[in-house]
Amino acid sequence: MVRTVSILSVSSLLAMLLLGTAWTAEQASAAPPSLRETGAIASSPANPSASSDLLQQSWTAYKQRFIQADGRVVDWESNARSTSEGQAYAMLRSVLANDPDTFAQTLQWAENNLNRKGKEGSDDSLWSWQWGQNDQGEWTILDRNFASDADVDAATALILAARRWDRPDYLALAQTKIKDVWKLATIALPLPRGSEARYLLPGPLSSFQPQPNQIYFNPSYFAPYAFRLFAQVDSERDWMGMVDSSYEALRQSSTVSLVGLPSDWVALNPETGRFSAVPTSTHLRSMYSFDAYRVWWRISLDAAWFGEPRAKDFLQKHLQPLAEMWRSRQSIPARITLLGTPIASYEATSQYAMLYPAFQIVDPAIAEQIRQQKLMPTYKDGIWDNNSAYYVQNLAWFGLFPSTDVAASWLR
């Protein structure tokens, strides 16, 4: 994970470090399975009480280990840094767990420490993505660029919290943030016959457009369910159009893989409208790996919360190669190339956690096998894998949280 100063370095840095998940091929082959990769669950979907108890236990353990008293979420595997992703995940988990105090604390810490407004000429409400200890030993913002998935997740959490706890101030803040997401983190690109489509950028356009005919996207950032919520509270912008463009981008970008899997990163030529793999000269990688796992979760939420038929269609088609791997070997490798070839000898609990809700929709038998064989065995005392595995804790919890526990009144 390196930091340079070229235009691509910002996108590389954001891509590699926004979530700590996009590594080089050499790093992938050498990465130990302790990093974002092992963990489990010990409850049955047939026993809602046990599931609820486990999720509450893991939430309590997560707060004790990863959230400071002031609301800062600590990523112990990355030099005890904090990220906008971490704060947003904590907010989303807080509202789903009905924990308004932790929600307020994690929100306030982010607003106090990550807010870009007034810094280096910024006048927006988005969050700088990385905060930690600099070379001088000071704890401060390390990179003031934003990561759009974190701001989308934070705004989603604010809308749900406003409705669950009757907090109009949270709704007002969400409306402010989503206007800035639209302004700074989306781009309208031309389509045939004079129309256009708007897409969610991973961060500032200057960081992800190295040349006019090339824009980099992260498919795991596309969140149709969130855009539907945004449309409900912001009628001035065409968020429903973003739902449509997200599904189209997911469909087209998955063709970069010969087996139809989503990639961590893809490139789009705005002149031709075609997706391709990112150049190998960058630190970004077009492969199925730790970022791409989250596509299954985000699309599953749109299916579960809003009954979107395109969500189920996407899952049925693009989960096929993984379902075939599972049936033949009862395991799925952590990384798969565009050719469909595994390049990791280890598995990833974060992947299984994201696959669990997706297979619940299209193949419940596989979902149950994954839960029993891959998610149960390594859960202990509220922790998946080990007590430094920040990413696993979040993805496991989200993947296992029952969609039926989200009240309809929060979504409409």
Protein backbone atom coordinates (compact mmCIF):
# COMPACT_ATOMS: atom_id res chain seq x y z
CA MET A 1 0.00 0.00 0.00
CA VAL A 2 1.92 2.99 -1.27
CA ARG A 3 1.30 6.69 -1.56
CA THR A 4 2.54 8.76 -4.49
CA VAL A 5 1.67 12.16 -5.90
CA SER A 6 0.55 11.60 -9.48
CA ILE A 7 -3.10 11.84 -10.51
CA LEU A 8 -3.26 8.07 -10.62
CA SER A 9 -1.73 7.87 -7.19
CA VAL A 10 -4.81 9.44 -5.66
CA SER A 11 -7.05 6.92 -7.33
CA SER A 12 -4.61 4.17 -6.47
CA LEU A 13 -4.46 5.28 -2.88
CA LEU A 14 -8.20 5.61 -2.64
CA ALA A 15 -8.68 2.28 -4.34
CA MET A 16 -6.14 0.41 -2.23
CA LEU A 17 -6.81 2.10 1.06
CA LEU A 18 -10.38 3.40 1.06
CA LEU A 19 -11.36 -0.06 2.17
CA GLY A 20 -7.98 -1.72 2.36
CA THR A 21 -9.15 -4.36 -0.06
CA ALA A 22 -7.64 -3.83 -3.51
CA TRP A 23 -4.17 -5.40 -3.45
CA THR A 24 -1.63 -6.27 -6.12
CA ALA A 25 -1.48 -9.80 -7.49
CA GLU A 26 1.74 -10.41 -5.60
CA GLN A 27 0.18 -9.29 -2.35
CA ALA A 28 -2.89 -11.40 -3.05
CA SER A 29 -0.89 -14.59 -3.37
CA ALA A 30 1.06 -13.85 -0.22
CA ALA A 31 -1.76 -12.48 1.93
CA PRO A 32 -2.36 -14.53 5.06
CA PRO A 33 -5.92 -15.70 5.61
CA SER A 34 -6.09 -13.71 8.84
CA LEU A 35 -6.65 -10.44 6.99
CA ARG A 36 -10.34 -9.85 6.36
CA GLU A 37 -10.85 -13.52 5.69
CA THR A 38 -12.00 -15.85 8.45
CA GLY A 39 -14.91 -15.80 10.88
CA ALA A 40 -18.27 -17.40 11.59
CA ILE A 41 -21.79 -17.38 12.94
CA ALA A 42 -23.58 -19.66 15.34
CA SER A 43 -27.29 -19.19 14.94
CA SER A 44 -29.98 -20.63 12.74
CA PRO A 45 -32.37 -18.70 10.49
CA ALA A 46 -34.97 -21.14 11.78
CA ASN A 47 -34.38 -19.73 15.25
CA PRO A 48 -34.89 -15.96 15.05
CA SER A 49 -34.27 -15.52 18.77
CA ALA A 50 -30.86 -17.18 18.55
CA SER A 51 -29.98 -15.07 15.52
CA SER A 52 -31.02 -11.88 17.30
CA ASP A 53 -29.04 -12.83 20.39
CA LEU A 54 -25.93 -13.53 18.36
CA LEU A 55 -26.14 -10.27 16.43
CA GLN A 56 -26.58 -8.36 19.66
CA GLN A 57 -23.65 -10.21 21.23
CA SER A 58 -21.41 -9.44 18.26
CA TRP A 59 -22.52 -5.80 18.22
CA THR A 60 -21.64 -5.46 21.90
CA ALA A 61 -18.25 -7.09 21.31
CA TYR A 62 -17.61 -4.85 18.32
CA LYS A 63 -18.33 -1.71 20.30
CA GLN A 64 -16.00 -2.81 23.06
CA ARG A 65 -13.14 -3.65 20.72
CA PHE A 66 -13.50 -1.26 17.78
CA ILE A 67 -15.38 1.85 18.94
CA GLN A 68 -13.83 4.32 21.37
CA ALA A 69 -15.87 6.16 23.96
CA ASP A 70 -15.81 9.29 21.80
CA GLY A 71 -17.27 7.43 18.81
CA ARG A 72 -14.10 6.86 16.79
CA VAL A 73 -14.09 3.50 14.99
CA VAL A 74 -10.61 1.96 14.98
CA ASP A 75 -9.26 -0.30 12.24
CA TRP A 76 -6.63 -2.23 14.18
CA GLU A 77 -5.30 -3.98 11.08
CA SER A 78 -4.36 -0.67 9.45
CA ASN A 79 -2.25 1.22 12.01
CA ALA A 80 -5.28 2.02 14.18
CA ARG A 81 -6.58 4.43 11.57
CA SER A 82 -10.19 5.50 11.20
CA THR A 83 -12.09 5.79 7.94
CA SER A 84 -15.32 7.25 6.72
CA GLU A 85 -16.30 3.68 5.84
CA GLY A 86 -15.85 2.60 9.43
CA GLN A 87 -17.93 5.44 10.81
CA ALA A 88 -20.70 4.84 8.26
CA TYR A 89 -20.77 1.09 8.95
CA ALA A 90 -21.07 1.80 12.68
CA MET A 91 -23.96 4.19 12.07
CA LEU A 92 -25.78 1.68 9.87
CA ARG A 93 -25.26 -1.10 12.39
CA SER A 94 -26.39 1.20 15.23
CA VAL A 95 -29.70 2.02 13.63
CA LEU A 96 -30.37 -1.62 12.72
CA ALA A 97 -29.44 -2.66 16.28
CA ASN A 98 -31.63 0.12 17.76
CA ASP A 99 -28.67 1.78 19.50
CA PRO A 100 -29.27 5.55 19.24
CA ASP A 101 -26.44 6.46 21.64
CA THR A 102 -23.74 4.74 19.58
CA PHE A 103 -25.26 6.17 16.42
CA ALA A 104 -24.98 9.70 17.82
CA GLN A 105 -21.43 9.15 19.05
CA THR A 106 -20.06 7.73 15.81
CA LEU A 107 -21.86 10.38 13.76
CA GLN A 108 -20.56 13.20 15.94
CA TRP A 109 -16.97 11.96 15.82
CA ALA A 110 -17.10 11.83 12.03
CA GLU A 111 -18.68 15.26 11.77
CA ASN A 112 -16.06 16.72 14.11
CA ASN A 113 -13.03 15.03 12.59
CA LEU A 114 -13.74 14.00 8.99
CA ASN A 115 -16.00 16.76 7.68
CA ARG A 116 -14.37 18.45 4.70
CA LYS A 117 -16.31 21.70 5.01
CA GLY A 118 -13.97 24.67 5.41
CA LYS A 119 -10.84 22.59 4.77
CA GLU A 120 -8.66 23.60 1.83
CA GLY A 121 -11.51 25.43 0.18
CA SER A 122 -14.10 22.66 0.43
CA ASP A 123 -17.66 23.75 1.13
CA ASP A 124 -19.34 20.34 1.07
CA SER A 125 -20.55 18.05 3.85
CA LEU A 126 -18.80 14.89 2.70
CA TRP A 127 -16.22 13.13 4.86
CA SER A 128 -12.49 12.82 4.34
CA TRP A 129 -11.93 9.13 4.01
CA GLN A 130 -8.87 8.54 6.18
CA TRP A 131 -7.80 9.80 9.62
CA GLY A 132 -4.83 8.57 11.62
CA GLN A 133 -1.29 9.25 12.78
CA ASN A 134 0.92 11.14 10.35
CA ASP A 135 4.70 11.01 10.02
CA GLN A 136 5.05 13.68 12.68
CA GLY A 137 3.07 11.59 15.16
CA GLU A 138 -0.02 13.81 14.96
CA TRP A 139 -3.50 12.32 14.78
CA THR A 140 -5.27 14.07 11.96
CA ILE A 141 -6.83 13.72 8.51
CA LEU A 142 -4.40 11.76 6.32
CA ASP A 143 -6.32 12.11 3.07
CA ARG A 144 -9.10 14.64 2.63
CA ASN A 145 -10.53 12.99 -0.49
CA PHE A 146 -13.92 11.37 0.03
CA ALA A 147 -14.98 7.76 -0.60
CA SER A 148 -18.48 7.89 -2.01
CA ASP A 149 -19.65 4.53 -0.69
CA ALA A 150 -19.10 5.75 2.88
CA ASP A 151 -21.09 8.93 2.29
CA VAL A 152 -23.89 6.93 0.65
CA ASP A 153 -23.94 4.49 3.58
CA ALA A 154 -23.91 7.34 6.10
CA ALA A 155 -26.80 9.11 4.39
CA THR A 156 -28.73 5.85 4.25
CA ALA A 157 -28.17 5.34 7.97
CA LEU A 158 -29.32 8.91 8.67
CA ILE A 159 -32.58 8.39 6.77
CA LEU A 160 -33.31 5.13 8.56
CA ALA A 161 -32.43 6.70 11.92
CA ALA A 162 -34.65 9.70 11.25
CA ARG A 163 -37.59 7.39 10.63
CA ARG A 164 -36.89 4.86 13.38
CA TRP A 165 -36.25 7.38 16.14
CA ASP A 166 -38.27 10.37 14.86
CA ARG A 167 -35.24 12.60 14.38
CA PRO A 168 -35.92 15.29 11.77
CA ASP A 169 -32.42 16.68 12.35
CA TYR A 170 -30.96 13.43 11.00
CA LEU A 171 -33.16 13.71 7.93
CA ALA A 172 -32.01 17.28 7.32
CA LEU A 173 -28.37 16.21 7.54
CA ALA A 174 -29.01 13.31 5.17
CA GLN A 175 -30.59 15.68 2.64
CA THR A 176 -27.56 17.95 2.83
CA LYS A 177 -25.17 15.06 2.31
CA ILE A 178 -26.99 13.47 -0.60
CA LYS A 179 -27.04 16.79 -2.45
CA ASP A 180 -23.27 16.90 -2.12
CA VAL A 181 -22.97 13.26 -3.20
CA TRP A 182 -24.92 14.15 -6.34
CA LYS A 183 -22.82 17.23 -6.99
CA LEU A 184 -19.36 15.78 -6.34
CA ALA A 185 -19.65 12.00 -6.59
CA THR A 186 -21.82 11.39 -9.65
CA ILE A 187 -21.21 11.93 -13.32
CA ALA A 188 -23.64 12.12 -16.25
CA LEU A 189 -22.42 10.36 -19.38
CA PRO A 190 -24.02 10.38 -22.83
CA LEU A 191 -25.99 7.44 -24.17
CA PRO A 192 -27.07 6.74 -27.75
CA ARG A 193 -29.84 8.89 -29.23
CA GLY A 194 -29.04 11.90 -27.10
CA SER A 195 -29.93 10.56 -23.67
CA GLU A 196 -27.59 10.24 -20.70
CA ALA A 197 -27.03 8.12 -17.62
CA ARG A 198 -25.60 9.18 -14.28
CA TYR A 199 -23.20 6.97 -12.33
CA LEU A 200 -21.75 6.98 -8.83
CA LEU A 201 -18.04 7.79 -8.87
CA PRO A 202 -15.77 6.16 -6.26
CA GLY A 203 -14.47 9.58 -5.22
CA PRO A 204 -13.46 12.88 -6.83
CA LEU A 205 -13.56 12.70 -10.62
CA SER A 206 -10.01 14.06 -10.83
CA SER A 207 -8.81 10.97 -8.98
CA PHE A 208 -10.64 8.44 -11.12
CA GLN A 209 -10.42 9.84 -14.65
CA PRO A 210 -6.75 9.50 -15.61
CA GLN A 211 -7.55 10.43 -19.21
CA PRO A 212 -10.62 11.67 -21.09
CA ASN A 213 -11.59 8.26 -22.44
CA GLN A 214 -11.17 6.35 -19.20
CA ILE A 215 -13.09 6.53 -15.90
CA TYR A 216 -12.62 4.01 -13.12
CA PHE A 217 -15.61 2.64 -11.21
CA ASN A 218 -16.03 0.32 -8.25
CA PRO A 219 -19.16 -1.81 -8.82
CA SER A 220 -19.49 -2.57 -5.10
CA TYR A 221 -20.32 1.10 -4.49
CA PHE A 222 -23.53 0.96 -6.56
CA ALA A 223 -26.39 0.91 -4.04
CA PRO A 224 -29.84 0.93 -5.72
CA TYR A 225 -31.72 0.59 -2.41
CA ALA A 226 -29.97 3.71 -1.10
CA PHE A 227 -30.77 5.69 -4.24
CA ARG A 228 -34.46 4.77 -3.79
CA LEU A 229 -34.35 6.17 -0.25
CA PHE A 230 -32.62 9.30 -1.52
CA ALA A 231 -35.36 9.78 -4.13
CA GLN A 232 -37.94 9.75 -1.34
CA VAL A 233 -36.31 12.66 0.48
CA ASP A 234 -34.80 14.61 -2.43
CA SER A 235 -37.19 15.19 -5.30
CA GLU A 236 -34.92 17.71 -7.02
CA ARG A 237 -32.49 15.08 -8.32
CA ASP A 238 -33.14 11.98 -10.43
CA TRP A 239 -32.05 9.31 -7.98
CA MET A 240 -34.37 6.75 -9.56
CA GLY A 241 -32.39 7.21 -12.75
CA MET A 242 -29.35 6.22 -10.69
CA VAL A 243 -31.12 2.98 -9.77
CA ASP A 244 -31.51 2.18 -13.47
CA SER A 245 -27.96 3.14 -14.40
CA SER A 246 -26.55 1.11 -11.51
CA TYR A 247 -28.21 -2.07 -12.73
CA GLU A 248 -27.10 -1.41 -16.28
CA ALA A 249 -23.52 -0.69 -15.16
CA LEU A 250 -23.46 -3.83 -13.02
CA ARG A 251 -24.74 -5.91 -15.91
CA GLN A 252 -22.33 -4.50 -18.46
CA SER A 253 -19.27 -4.35 -16.21
CA SER A 254 -19.72 -8.00 -15.23
CA THR A 255 -19.10 -8.94 -18.87
CA VAL A 256 -15.47 -7.91 -18.30
CA SER A 257 -15.24 -11.28 -16.53
CA LEU A 258 -15.56 -14.24 -18.88
CA VAL A 259 -17.65 -16.02 -16.24
CA GLY A 260 -19.80 -12.98 -15.42
CA LEU A 261 -18.49 -12.11 -11.96
CA PRO A 262 -18.33 -8.53 -10.71
CA SER A 263 -14.85 -7.01 -10.40
CA ASP A 264 -13.27 -4.90 -7.72
CA TRP A 265 -12.57 -2.19 -10.30
CA VAL A 266 -13.53 -1.58 -13.91
CA ALA A 267 -12.84 1.10 -16.50
CA LEU A 268 -15.49 2.79 -18.63
CA ASN A 269 -14.81 4.55 -21.89
CA PRO A 270 -17.33 7.44 -21.87
CA GLU A 271 -16.91 7.86 -25.63
CA THR A 272 -17.96 4.30 -26.50
CA GLY A 273 -19.89 3.36 -23.37
CA ARG A 274 -17.89 0.15 -23.05
CA PHE A 275 -16.48 -1.31 -19.85
CA SER A 276 -13.09 -2.98 -19.72
CA ALA A 277 -10.47 -4.10 -17.23
CA VAL A 278 -8.41 -1.36 -15.61
CA PRO A 279 -4.86 -1.07 -17.00
CA THR A 280 -2.35 -3.35 -15.33
CA SER A 281 -0.09 -0.33 -14.88
CA THR A 282 -2.33 0.91 -12.06
CA HIS A 283 -2.58 -0.39 -8.52
CA LEU A 284 -6.26 -1.15 -9.11
CA ARG A 285 -7.27 -4.64 -10.11
CA SER A 286 -10.04 -6.03 -12.25
CA MET A 287 -10.72 -9.32 -10.52
CA TYR A 288 -13.34 -10.85 -8.29
CA SER A 289 -12.06 -10.16 -4.79
CA PHE A 290 -12.73 -8.39 -1.49
CA ASP A 291 -14.41 -5.25 -2.85
CA ALA A 292 -16.59 -7.13 -5.31
CA TYR A 293 -18.11 -9.33 -2.58
CA ARG A 294 -20.24 -6.42 -1.45
CA VAL A 295 -22.12 -6.36 -4.77
CA TRP A 296 -24.07 -9.42 -3.60
CA TRP A 297 -25.09 -7.73 -0.34
CA ARG A 298 -26.13 -4.43 -1.91
CA ILE A 299 -28.19 -6.10 -4.62
CA SER A 300 -29.72 -8.46 -2.06
CA LEU A 301 -30.89 -5.46 -0.03
CA ASP A 302 -32.67 -4.03 -3.05
CA ALA A 303 -34.39 -7.36 -3.62
CA ALA A 304 -35.36 -7.80 0.04
CA TRP A 305 -36.33 -4.22 0.84
CA PHE A 306 -37.95 -3.16 -2.42
CA GLY A 307 -38.73 -6.37 -4.31
CA GLU A 308 -36.73 -5.31 -7.36
CA PRO A 309 -36.97 -8.06 -10.02
CA ARG A 310 -33.70 -6.94 -11.66
CA ALA A 311 -31.94 -7.69 -8.39
CA LYS A 312 -33.06 -11.31 -8.37
CA ASP A 313 -32.30 -11.65 -12.09
CA PHE A 314 -28.78 -10.33 -11.54
CA LEU A 315 -28.16 -12.68 -8.63
CA GLN A 316 -29.53 -15.71 -10.46
CA LYS A 317 -27.30 -15.12 -13.46
CA HIS A 318 -24.07 -13.92 -11.90
CA LEU A 319 -23.97 -16.24 -8.90
CA GLN A 320 -23.95 -19.28 -11.21
CA PRO A 321 -20.17 -19.75 -11.41
CA LEU A 322 -19.85 -19.52 -7.63
CA ALA A 323 -22.77 -21.91 -7.13
CA GLU A 324 -21.06 -24.40 -9.43
CA MET A 325 -17.81 -24.09 -7.50
CA TRP A 326 -19.65 -24.60 -4.24
CA ARG A 327 -21.48 -27.70 -5.45
CA SER A 328 -18.31 -29.28 -6.78
CA ARG A 329 -15.91 -28.50 -3.93
CA GLN A 330 -17.93 -27.07 -1.02
CA SER A 331 -15.68 -24.02 -1.06
CA ILE A 332 -15.18 -20.81 -3.04
CA PRO A 333 -11.71 -19.25 -3.37
CA ALA A 334 -11.16 -15.72 -2.14
CA ARG A 335 -9.94 -14.32 -5.47
CA ILE A 336 -10.87 -15.22 -9.02
CA THR A 337 -9.41 -13.80 -12.24
CA LEU A 338 -11.37 -12.44 -15.17
CA LEU A 339 -10.88 -15.84 -16.82
CA GLY A 340 -12.64 -17.52 -13.92
CA THR A 341 -9.43 -19.00 -12.51
CA PRO A 342 -8.88 -19.02 -8.73
CA ILE A 343 -5.69 -17.21 -7.70
CA ALA A 344 -5.97 -17.72 -3.96
CA SER A 345 -5.60 -20.97 -2.10
CA TYR A 346 -7.52 -19.60 0.87
CA GLU A 347 -11.18 -18.69 1.43
CA ALA A 348 -12.72 -15.51 2.82
CA THR A 349 -15.39 -15.33 5.49
CA SER A 350 -16.24 -11.84 4.29
CA GLN A 351 -17.15 -13.37 0.92
CA TYR A 352 -19.31 -16.07 2.50
CA ALA A 353 -21.06 -13.44 4.62
CA MET A 354 -21.96 -11.41 1.53
CA LEU A 355 -23.01 -14.51 -0.39
CA TYR A 356 -25.30 -15.68 2.39
CA PRO A 357 -28.17 -13.18 1.81
CA ALA A 358 -27.76 -13.50 -1.95
CA PHE A 359 -28.12 -17.28 -1.93
CA GLN A 360 -31.01 -16.98 0.49
CA ILE A 361 -32.85 -15.32 -2.39
CA VAL A 362 -31.85 -17.63 -5.26
CA ASP A 363 -30.74 -20.91 -3.63
CA PRO A 364 -31.62 -21.22 0.07
CA ALA A 365 -30.04 -24.68 0.29
CA ILE A 366 -26.61 -23.30 -0.58
CA ALA A 367 -27.16 -20.38 1.79
CA GLU A 368 -27.80 -22.77 4.66
CA GLN A 369 -24.77 -24.87 3.78
CA ILE A 370 -22.60 -21.76 3.76
CA ARG A 371 -23.95 -20.68 7.11
CA GLN A 372 -23.31 -24.06 8.71
CA GLN A 373 -20.01 -24.92 7.07
CA LYS A 374 -18.33 -21.54 6.67
CA LEU A 375 -19.96 -19.02 8.97
CA MET A 376 -20.59 -21.05 12.12
CA PRO A 377 -17.24 -22.63 12.93
CA THR A 378 -15.10 -19.60 13.74
CA TYR A 379 -17.50 -17.34 15.63
CA LYS A 380 -16.59 -17.09 19.30
CA ASP A 381 -17.53 -14.67 22.06
CA GLY A 382 -18.96 -12.07 19.71
CA ILE A 383 -16.04 -12.04 17.29
CA TRP A 384 -15.57 -13.52 13.83
CA ASP A 385 -12.03 -14.62 13.05
CA ASN A 386 -10.00 -12.50 15.46
CA ASN A 387 -10.44 -9.30 17.42
CA SER A 388 -8.47 -7.21 14.92
CA ALA A 389 -10.48 -8.19 11.86
CA TYR A 390 -12.49 -4.99 11.38
CA TYR A 391 -13.74 -5.77 7.88
CA VAL A 392 -14.93 -9.28 8.68
CA GLN A 393 -16.89 -8.10 11.72
CA ASN A 394 -18.89 -5.63 9.64
CA LEU A 395 -19.55 -7.77 6.58
CA ALA A 396 -20.48 -10.80 8.66
CA TRP A 397 -22.94 -8.77 10.71
CA PHE A 398 -24.54 -7.13 7.68
CA GLY A 399 -24.77 -10.39 5.79
CA LEU A 400 -26.48 -12.16 8.66
CA PHE A 401 -28.85 -9.37 9.68
CA PRO A 402 -32.38 -10.50 8.71
CA SER A 403 -33.99 -8.23 6.15
CA THR A 404 -37.32 -8.90 7.83
CA ASP A 405 -36.09 -6.94 10.86
CA VAL A 406 -36.27 -3.72 8.82
CA ALA A 407 -39.71 -2.19 9.24
CA ALA A 408 -41.58 -1.10 6.14
CA SER A 409 -42.11 2.32 7.71
CA TRP A 410 -38.36 2.95 7.62
CA LEU A 411 -38.23 2.29 3.88
CA ARG A 412 -41.19 4.32 2.60
